[in-house]
Amino acid sequence: MDGSNIKKDAIKMRRLEAMSVIEDSFPWIKNHYGRSKFKKCFPSIKYHDNIYARLSGIEDAQGEESESIVAEYARGTNTIWLYTPNINNPLHLISSLLHEYTHYLQSPTWMKRYYDMGYEYTNHPYELEALEAERLAETVDILSSKTL
């Protein structure tokens, strides 16, 4: 088995692990936070290895943040994308899911408006709100794994 197959197998294993965590936590998150008033349905969750490859359609595309972007909410398709090679552990996944789910709940008009007003990622009110939501990852992990 060559190195590229080992890497692909590792990514596949991470994806399976991520799917298991999502299966436990995402229903709890949807039930707790509810549906966005800006969308008709809950977001779907999809997996990919690399944001640049996904957006460009070029399988081995790389960029400066290829190894750091864990997740993104794509508003146009109402999809939370998870980049499984960059997920460190279950809590990292849950915190990323909470961050992106918060974006799903937020107004697309105000998201753009804040950027147009000069806010940047580091001080954008919606990003700060999403970062705050990440702090609940451990609580979500505990509550979503309990069966009542």
N, C-alpha and C. Protein backbone atom coordinates (compact mmCIF):
# COMPACT_ATOMS: atom_id res chain seq x y z
N MET A 1 0.85 -1.19 0.00
CA MET A 1 0.00 0.00 0.00
C MET A 1 0.89 1.24 0.00
N ASP A 2 0.65 2.13 -0.94
CA ASP A 2 1.48 3.32 -1.03
C ASP A 2 0.97 4.43 -0.10
N GLY A 3 1.76 5.49 0.03
CA GLY A 3 1.43 6.59 0.94
C GLY A 3 0.12 7.28 0.64
N SER A 4 -0.23 7.41 -0.65
CA SER A 4 -1.48 8.10 -0.98
C SER A 4 -2.69 7.27 -0.55
N ASN A 5 -2.59 5.94 -0.63
CA ASN A 5 -3.70 5.08 -0.18
C ASN A 5 -3.84 5.12 1.33
N ILE A 6 -2.72 5.18 2.03
CA ILE A 6 -2.77 5.28 3.49
C ILE A 6 -3.44 6.59 3.88
N LYS A 7 -3.09 7.68 3.21
CA LYS A 7 -3.70 8.97 3.51
C LYS A 7 -5.20 8.94 3.22
N LYS A 8 -5.59 8.34 2.09
CA LYS A 8 -7.01 8.24 1.74
C LYS A 8 -7.77 7.41 2.77
N ASP A 9 -7.14 6.32 3.24
CA ASP A 9 -7.79 5.49 4.26
C ASP A 9 -7.95 6.25 5.57
N ALA A 10 -6.94 7.04 5.93
CA ALA A 10 -7.02 7.84 7.15
C ALA A 10 -8.13 8.88 7.04
N ILE A 11 -8.24 9.50 5.87
CA ILE A 11 -9.31 10.50 5.66
C ILE A 11 -10.67 9.83 5.73
N LYS A 12 -10.78 8.65 5.13
CA LYS A 12 -12.04 7.91 5.16
C LYS A 12 -12.42 7.56 6.61
N MET A 13 -11.43 7.15 7.41
CA MET A 13 -11.69 6.83 8.81
C MET A 13 -12.14 8.08 9.57
N ARG A 14 -11.50 9.20 9.33
CA ARG A 14 -11.91 10.45 9.99
C ARG A 14 -13.34 10.82 9.60
N ARG A 15 -13.66 10.62 8.35
CA ARG A 15 -15.00 10.95 7.88
C ARG A 15 -16.03 10.07 8.58
N LEU A 16 -15.75 8.79 8.73
CA LEU A 16 -16.66 7.88 9.43
C LEU A 16 -16.81 8.28 10.90
N GLU A 17 -15.71 8.66 11.51
CA GLU A 17 -15.76 9.13 12.90
C GLU A 17 -16.59 10.42 13.00
N ALA A 18 -16.39 11.31 12.06
CA ALA A 18 -17.15 12.57 12.06
C ALA A 18 -18.64 12.29 11.89
N MET A 19 -18.97 11.38 11.01
CA MET A 19 -20.38 11.05 10.78
C MET A 19 -21.03 10.51 12.05
N SER A 20 -20.28 9.74 12.81
CA SER A 20 -20.80 9.20 14.07
C SER A 20 -21.07 10.32 15.08
N VAL A 21 -20.14 11.26 15.19
CA VAL A 21 -20.32 12.40 16.10
C VAL A 21 -21.52 13.24 15.65
N ILE A 22 -21.64 13.48 14.34
CA ILE A 22 -22.75 14.27 13.81
C ILE A 22 -24.07 13.57 14.09
N GLU A 23 -24.10 12.26 13.93
CA GLU A 23 -25.31 11.49 14.18
C GLU A 23 -25.81 11.69 15.60
N ASP A 24 -24.88 11.82 16.55
CA ASP A 24 -25.25 12.03 17.95
C ASP A 24 -25.59 13.48 18.25
N SER A 25 -24.80 14.42 17.72
CA SER A 25 -24.93 15.81 18.15
C SER A 25 -25.86 16.68 17.30
N PHE A 26 -25.92 16.44 16.01
CA PHE A 26 -26.68 17.35 15.14
C PHE A 26 -28.18 17.36 15.46
N PRO A 27 -28.82 16.22 15.73
CA PRO A 27 -30.24 16.30 16.12
C PRO A 27 -30.46 17.15 17.36
N TRP A 28 -29.55 17.05 18.32
CA TRP A 28 -29.68 17.85 19.54
C TRP A 28 -29.55 19.33 19.20
N ILE A 29 -28.58 19.68 18.37
CA ILE A 29 -28.36 21.08 17.99
C ILE A 29 -29.59 21.62 17.26
N LYS A 30 -30.13 20.86 16.32
CA LYS A 30 -31.32 21.31 15.58
C LYS A 30 -32.50 21.49 16.52
N ASN A 31 -32.68 20.56 17.44
CA ASN A 31 -33.80 20.66 18.38
C ASN A 31 -33.63 21.84 19.32
N HIS A 32 -32.42 22.07 19.78
CA HIS A 32 -32.16 23.15 20.74
C HIS A 32 -32.26 24.53 20.11
N TYR A 33 -31.65 24.72 18.94
CA TYR A 33 -31.58 26.03 18.31
C TYR A 33 -32.71 26.29 17.32
N GLY A 34 -33.33 25.23 16.82
CA GLY A 34 -34.44 25.40 15.90
C GLY A 34 -34.01 25.72 14.47
N ARG A 35 -35.00 26.01 13.67
CA ARG A 35 -34.80 26.28 12.25
C ARG A 35 -34.62 27.78 12.03
N SER A 36 -33.79 28.13 11.08
CA SER A 36 -33.56 29.53 10.73
C SER A 36 -34.82 30.14 10.14
N LYS A 37 -35.07 31.39 10.49
CA LYS A 37 -36.20 32.09 9.87
C LYS A 37 -35.85 32.55 8.47
N PHE A 38 -34.60 32.32 8.06
CA PHE A 38 -34.17 32.74 6.72
C PHE A 38 -34.10 31.58 5.73
N LYS A 39 -34.36 30.37 6.22
CA LYS A 39 -34.32 29.17 5.36
C LYS A 39 -35.56 28.32 5.63
N LYS A 40 -35.99 27.59 4.59
CA LYS A 40 -37.18 26.75 4.72
C LYS A 40 -36.91 25.40 5.35
N CYS A 41 -35.64 25.01 5.40
CA CYS A 41 -35.31 23.71 5.97
C CYS A 41 -33.97 23.78 6.69
N PHE A 42 -33.69 22.73 7.43
CA PHE A 42 -32.41 22.64 8.13
C PHE A 42 -31.28 22.48 7.11
N PRO A 43 -30.07 22.86 7.48
CA PRO A 43 -28.96 22.69 6.54
C PRO A 43 -28.57 21.22 6.41
N SER A 44 -28.08 20.87 5.25
CA SER A 44 -27.52 19.53 5.08
C SER A 44 -26.05 19.59 5.51
N ILE A 45 -25.50 18.44 5.76
CA ILE A 45 -24.09 18.35 6.12
C ILE A 45 -23.40 17.51 5.06
N LYS A 46 -22.32 18.05 4.52
CA LYS A 46 -21.53 17.32 3.54
C LYS A 46 -20.07 17.36 3.95
N TYR A 47 -19.33 16.43 3.42
CA TYR A 47 -17.92 16.26 3.79
C TYR A 47 -17.03 16.41 2.57
N HIS A 48 -15.87 16.98 2.80
CA HIS A 48 -14.87 17.10 1.74
C HIS A 48 -13.50 17.12 2.39
N ASP A 49 -12.48 16.93 1.57
CA ASP A 49 -11.12 16.90 2.10
C ASP A 49 -10.48 18.27 2.16
N ASN A 50 -10.93 19.20 1.28
CA ASN A 50 -10.21 20.46 1.13
C ASN A 50 -11.12 21.50 0.49
N ILE A 51 -11.21 22.66 1.09
CA ILE A 51 -12.09 23.72 0.58
C ILE A 51 -11.68 24.16 -0.83
N TYR A 52 -10.38 24.25 -1.09
CA TYR A 52 -9.93 24.70 -2.40
C TYR A 52 -10.27 23.68 -3.48
N ALA A 53 -10.11 22.41 -3.17
CA ALA A 53 -10.47 21.36 -4.13
C ALA A 53 -11.97 21.37 -4.38
N ARG A 54 -12.75 21.54 -3.33
CA ARG A 54 -14.21 21.57 -3.49
C ARG A 54 -14.66 22.73 -4.36
N LEU A 55 -14.14 23.92 -4.09
CA LEU A 55 -14.59 25.10 -4.82
C LEU A 55 -14.06 25.17 -6.25
N SER A 56 -12.86 24.65 -6.48
CA SER A 56 -12.27 24.72 -7.81
C SER A 56 -12.63 23.53 -8.70
N GLY A 57 -12.97 22.41 -8.05
CA GLY A 57 -13.21 21.19 -8.82
C GLY A 57 -11.92 20.48 -9.20
N ILE A 58 -10.80 20.99 -8.74
CA ILE A 58 -9.49 20.38 -9.01
C ILE A 58 -9.11 19.57 -7.77
N GLU A 59 -9.02 18.26 -7.94
CA GLU A 59 -8.87 17.35 -6.82
C GLU A 59 -7.69 17.66 -5.90
N ASP A 60 -6.56 18.05 -6.46
CA ASP A 60 -5.39 18.29 -5.62
C ASP A 60 -5.10 19.79 -5.41
N ALA A 61 -6.10 20.62 -5.60
CA ALA A 61 -5.93 22.06 -5.39
C ALA A 61 -5.55 22.33 -3.93
N GLN A 62 -4.66 23.27 -3.73
CA GLN A 62 -4.22 23.65 -2.39
C GLN A 62 -4.24 25.16 -2.26
N GLY A 63 -4.32 25.63 -1.05
CA GLY A 63 -4.26 27.05 -0.76
C GLY A 63 -3.67 27.26 0.61
N GLU A 64 -3.48 28.50 0.98
CA GLU A 64 -2.79 28.78 2.24
C GLU A 64 -3.56 28.29 3.47
N GLU A 65 -4.88 28.07 3.32
CA GLU A 65 -5.66 27.60 4.47
C GLU A 65 -6.19 26.18 4.27
N SER A 66 -5.61 25.44 3.33
CA SER A 66 -6.05 24.07 3.06
C SER A 66 -6.06 23.19 4.30
N GLU A 67 -5.09 23.41 5.16
CA GLU A 67 -4.96 22.55 6.33
C GLU A 67 -5.54 23.15 7.60
N SER A 68 -6.22 24.29 7.49
CA SER A 68 -6.75 24.92 8.69
C SER A 68 -8.26 25.10 8.67
N ILE A 69 -8.88 25.18 7.53
CA ILE A 69 -10.33 25.37 7.49
C ILE A 69 -11.02 24.05 7.83
N VAL A 70 -11.80 24.08 8.88
CA VAL A 70 -12.47 22.88 9.38
C VAL A 70 -13.88 22.77 8.83
N ALA A 71 -14.56 23.92 8.69
CA ALA A 71 -15.95 23.89 8.26
C ALA A 71 -16.33 25.23 7.66
N GLU A 72 -17.42 25.21 6.90
CA GLU A 72 -17.99 26.46 6.38
C GLU A 72 -19.48 26.25 6.14
N TYR A 73 -20.22 27.33 6.27
CA TYR A 73 -21.64 27.30 5.92
C TYR A 73 -21.79 27.94 4.56
N ALA A 74 -22.30 27.17 3.60
CA ALA A 74 -22.56 27.68 2.25
C ALA A 74 -24.04 28.04 2.19
N ARG A 75 -24.31 29.33 2.33
CA ARG A 75 -25.70 29.80 2.41
C ARG A 75 -26.50 29.48 1.15
N GLY A 76 -25.88 29.62 -0.02
CA GLY A 76 -26.60 29.40 -1.28
C GLY A 76 -27.18 28.01 -1.41
N THR A 77 -26.47 27.02 -0.88
CA THR A 77 -26.96 25.64 -0.95
C THR A 77 -27.47 25.14 0.39
N ASN A 78 -27.42 26.00 1.41
CA ASN A 78 -27.86 25.64 2.76
C ASN A 78 -27.15 24.37 3.23
N THR A 79 -25.82 24.41 3.11
CA THR A 79 -25.01 23.24 3.44
C THR A 79 -23.89 23.63 4.40
N ILE A 80 -23.71 22.81 5.41
CA ILE A 80 -22.54 22.92 6.27
C ILE A 80 -21.52 21.93 5.73
N TRP A 81 -20.38 22.45 5.28
CA TRP A 81 -19.31 21.62 4.76
C TRP A 81 -18.30 21.36 5.87
N LEU A 82 -17.94 20.11 6.05
CA LEU A 82 -16.92 19.73 7.02
C LEU A 82 -15.71 19.19 6.28
N TYR A 83 -14.55 19.74 6.59
CA TYR A 83 -13.30 19.33 5.95
C TYR A 83 -12.59 18.39 6.90
N THR A 84 -12.91 17.11 6.76
CA THR A 84 -12.55 16.09 7.74
C THR A 84 -11.06 15.96 8.05
N PRO A 85 -10.14 16.16 7.09
CA PRO A 85 -8.73 16.03 7.48
C PRO A 85 -8.29 17.05 8.53
N ASN A 86 -9.03 18.13 8.67
CA ASN A 86 -8.64 19.21 9.58
C ASN A 86 -9.34 19.15 10.93
N ILE A 87 -10.15 18.12 11.13
CA ILE A 87 -10.86 17.97 12.41
C ILE A 87 -9.96 17.21 13.38
N ASN A 88 -9.69 17.84 14.52
CA ASN A 88 -8.75 17.25 15.48
C ASN A 88 -9.36 16.19 16.38
N ASN A 89 -10.61 16.40 16.80
CA ASN A 89 -11.25 15.48 17.74
C ASN A 89 -12.74 15.78 17.76
N PRO A 90 -13.54 14.98 18.46
CA PRO A 90 -14.99 15.21 18.47
C PRO A 90 -15.41 16.59 18.97
N LEU A 91 -14.75 17.11 19.99
CA LEU A 91 -15.13 18.45 20.48
C LEU A 91 -14.82 19.53 19.46
N HIS A 92 -13.74 19.37 18.73
CA HIS A 92 -13.39 20.31 17.66
C HIS A 92 -14.48 20.28 16.59
N LEU A 93 -14.94 19.09 16.26
CA LEU A 93 -16.02 18.95 15.28
C LEU A 93 -17.30 19.60 15.77
N ILE A 94 -17.68 19.33 17.00
CA ILE A 94 -18.92 19.90 17.54
C ILE A 94 -18.82 21.42 17.62
N SER A 95 -17.68 21.94 18.04
CA SER A 95 -17.56 23.41 18.12
C SER A 95 -17.65 24.02 16.72
N SER A 96 -17.08 23.36 15.73
CA SER A 96 -17.17 23.86 14.34
C SER A 96 -18.60 23.79 13.84
N LEU A 97 -19.28 22.72 14.18
CA LEU A 97 -20.68 22.57 13.78
C LEU A 97 -21.55 23.66 14.43
N LEU A 98 -21.32 23.94 15.69
CA LEU A 98 -22.04 25.02 16.37
C LEU A 98 -21.77 26.37 15.71
N HIS A 99 -20.52 26.61 15.35
CA HIS A 99 -20.14 27.86 14.69
C HIS A 99 -20.91 28.02 13.38
N GLU A 100 -20.89 26.99 12.56
CA GLU A 100 -21.55 27.07 11.24
C GLU A 100 -23.06 27.07 11.37
N TYR A 101 -23.59 26.36 12.35
CA TYR A 101 -25.04 26.37 12.55
C TYR A 101 -25.50 27.77 12.97
N THR A 102 -24.68 28.46 13.73
CA THR A 102 -24.99 29.84 14.11
C THR A 102 -25.09 30.71 12.86
N HIS A 103 -24.19 30.52 11.90
CA HIS A 103 -24.28 31.27 10.64
C HIS A 103 -25.57 30.94 9.89
N TYR A 104 -25.97 29.68 9.94
CA TYR A 104 -27.24 29.27 9.31
C TYR A 104 -28.41 30.06 9.91
N LEU A 105 -28.36 30.34 11.19
CA LEU A 105 -29.45 31.05 11.87
C LEU A 105 -29.43 32.56 11.60
N GLN A 106 -28.32 33.10 11.17
CA GLN A 106 -28.15 34.55 11.05
C GLN A 106 -28.68 35.10 9.72
N SER A 107 -28.99 36.38 9.75
CA SER A 107 -29.51 37.08 8.57
C SER A 107 -28.43 37.22 7.49
N PRO A 108 -28.71 36.74 6.28
CA PRO A 108 -27.73 36.91 5.21
C PRO A 108 -27.54 38.39 4.84
N THR A 109 -28.59 39.17 4.97
CA THR A 109 -28.52 40.59 4.65
C THR A 109 -27.55 41.30 5.60
N TRP A 110 -27.71 41.00 6.90
CA TRP A 110 -26.83 41.64 7.88
C TRP A 110 -25.42 41.09 7.84
N MET A 111 -25.25 39.84 7.46
CA MET A 111 -23.90 39.29 7.31
C MET A 111 -23.12 40.14 6.31
N LYS A 112 -23.71 40.38 5.16
CA LYS A 112 -23.08 41.19 4.12
C LYS A 112 -22.96 42.66 4.55
N ARG A 113 -24.03 43.17 5.16
CA ARG A 113 -24.05 44.58 5.58
C ARG A 113 -22.90 44.89 6.54
N TYR A 114 -22.68 44.00 7.50
CA TYR A 114 -21.57 44.22 8.44
C TYR A 114 -20.23 44.27 7.71
N TYR A 115 -20.02 43.37 6.75
CA TYR A 115 -18.77 43.42 5.99
C TYR A 115 -18.68 44.72 5.19
N ASP A 116 -19.81 45.13 4.59
CA ASP A 116 -19.83 46.39 3.84
C ASP A 116 -19.55 47.60 4.73
N MET A 117 -19.87 47.50 6.01
CA MET A 117 -19.62 48.58 6.96
C MET A 117 -18.16 48.62 7.40
N GLY A 118 -17.37 47.64 6.98
CA GLY A 118 -15.95 47.65 7.32
C GLY A 118 -15.51 46.61 8.33
N TYR A 119 -16.46 45.84 8.83
CA TYR A 119 -16.06 44.78 9.75
C TYR A 119 -15.27 43.73 9.00
N GLU A 120 -14.37 43.08 9.72
CA GLU A 120 -13.59 41.99 9.17
C GLU A 120 -13.89 40.73 9.96
N TYR A 121 -13.36 39.62 9.52
CA TYR A 121 -13.64 38.33 10.17
C TYR A 121 -13.39 38.41 11.68
N THR A 122 -12.33 39.07 12.08
CA THR A 122 -11.95 39.09 13.49
C THR A 122 -12.83 39.94 14.39
N ASN A 123 -13.60 40.88 13.80
CA ASN A 123 -14.47 41.73 14.63
C ASN A 123 -15.92 41.78 14.15
N HIS A 124 -16.26 40.98 13.16
CA HIS A 124 -17.62 40.94 12.62
C HIS A 124 -18.56 40.41 13.71
N PRO A 125 -19.63 41.14 14.02
CA PRO A 125 -20.54 40.71 15.09
C PRO A 125 -21.07 39.28 14.91
N TYR A 126 -21.35 38.86 13.70
CA TYR A 126 -21.84 37.50 13.48
C TYR A 126 -20.74 36.46 13.70
N GLU A 127 -19.51 36.80 13.37
CA GLU A 127 -18.41 35.87 13.64
C GLU A 127 -18.17 35.76 15.15
N LEU A 128 -18.27 36.88 15.84
CA LEU A 128 -18.10 36.85 17.29
C LEU A 128 -19.20 36.02 17.95
N GLU A 129 -20.42 36.14 17.44
CA GLU A 129 -21.53 35.34 17.95
C GLU A 129 -21.27 33.85 17.69
N ALA A 130 -20.77 33.52 16.51
CA ALA A 130 -20.49 32.13 16.17
C ALA A 130 -19.33 31.58 17.02
N LEU A 131 -18.34 32.40 17.27
CA LEU A 131 -17.24 31.98 18.15
C LEU A 131 -17.74 31.71 19.56
N GLU A 132 -18.65 32.54 20.03
CA GLU A 132 -19.24 32.34 21.35
C GLU A 132 -20.01 31.01 21.41
N ALA A 133 -20.72 30.68 20.34
CA ALA A 133 -21.48 29.43 20.28
C ALA A 133 -20.57 28.22 20.41
N GLU A 134 -19.34 28.33 19.91
CA GLU A 134 -18.39 27.21 19.97
C GLU A 134 -18.11 26.78 21.41
N ARG A 135 -18.23 27.71 22.33
CA ARG A 135 -17.92 27.41 23.73
C ARG A 135 -18.85 26.36 24.33
N LEU A 136 -19.97 26.08 23.66
CA LEU A 136 -20.93 25.10 24.18
C LEU A 136 -20.64 23.67 23.71
N ALA A 137 -19.54 23.45 23.03
CA ALA A 137 -19.26 22.14 22.45
C ALA A 137 -19.25 21.01 23.48
N GLU A 138 -18.60 21.24 24.59
CA GLU A 138 -18.53 20.18 25.60
C GLU A 138 -19.92 19.88 26.17
N THR A 139 -20.72 20.90 26.40
CA THR A 139 -22.08 20.70 26.89
C THR A 139 -22.91 19.93 25.87
N VAL A 140 -22.81 20.31 24.61
CA VAL A 140 -23.56 19.60 23.56
C VAL A 140 -23.12 18.15 23.50
N ASP A 141 -21.84 17.90 23.60
CA ASP A 141 -21.32 16.53 23.56
C ASP A 141 -21.94 15.70 24.70
N ILE A 142 -21.99 16.26 25.88
CA ILE A 142 -22.54 15.55 27.02
C ILE A 142 -24.05 15.33 26.85
N LEU A 143 -24.77 16.38 26.52
CA LEU A 143 -26.22 16.28 26.42
C LEU A 143 -26.67 15.42 25.25
N SER A 144 -25.98 15.49 24.13
CA SER A 144 -26.41 14.74 22.95
C SER A 144 -26.09 13.26 23.06
N SER A 145 -25.18 12.88 23.95
CA SER A 145 -24.83 11.46 24.08
C SER A 145 -25.70 10.75 25.10
N LYS A 146 -26.51 11.49 25.80
CA LYS A 146 -27.41 10.88 26.79
C LYS A 146 -28.72 10.51 26.14
N THR A 147 -29.20 9.35 26.46
CA THR A 147 -30.53 8.95 25.99
C THR A 147 -31.48 9.04 27.18
N LEU A 148 -32.56 9.72 26.96
CA LEU A 148 -33.52 9.91 28.06
C LEU A 148 -34.63 8.89 27.99
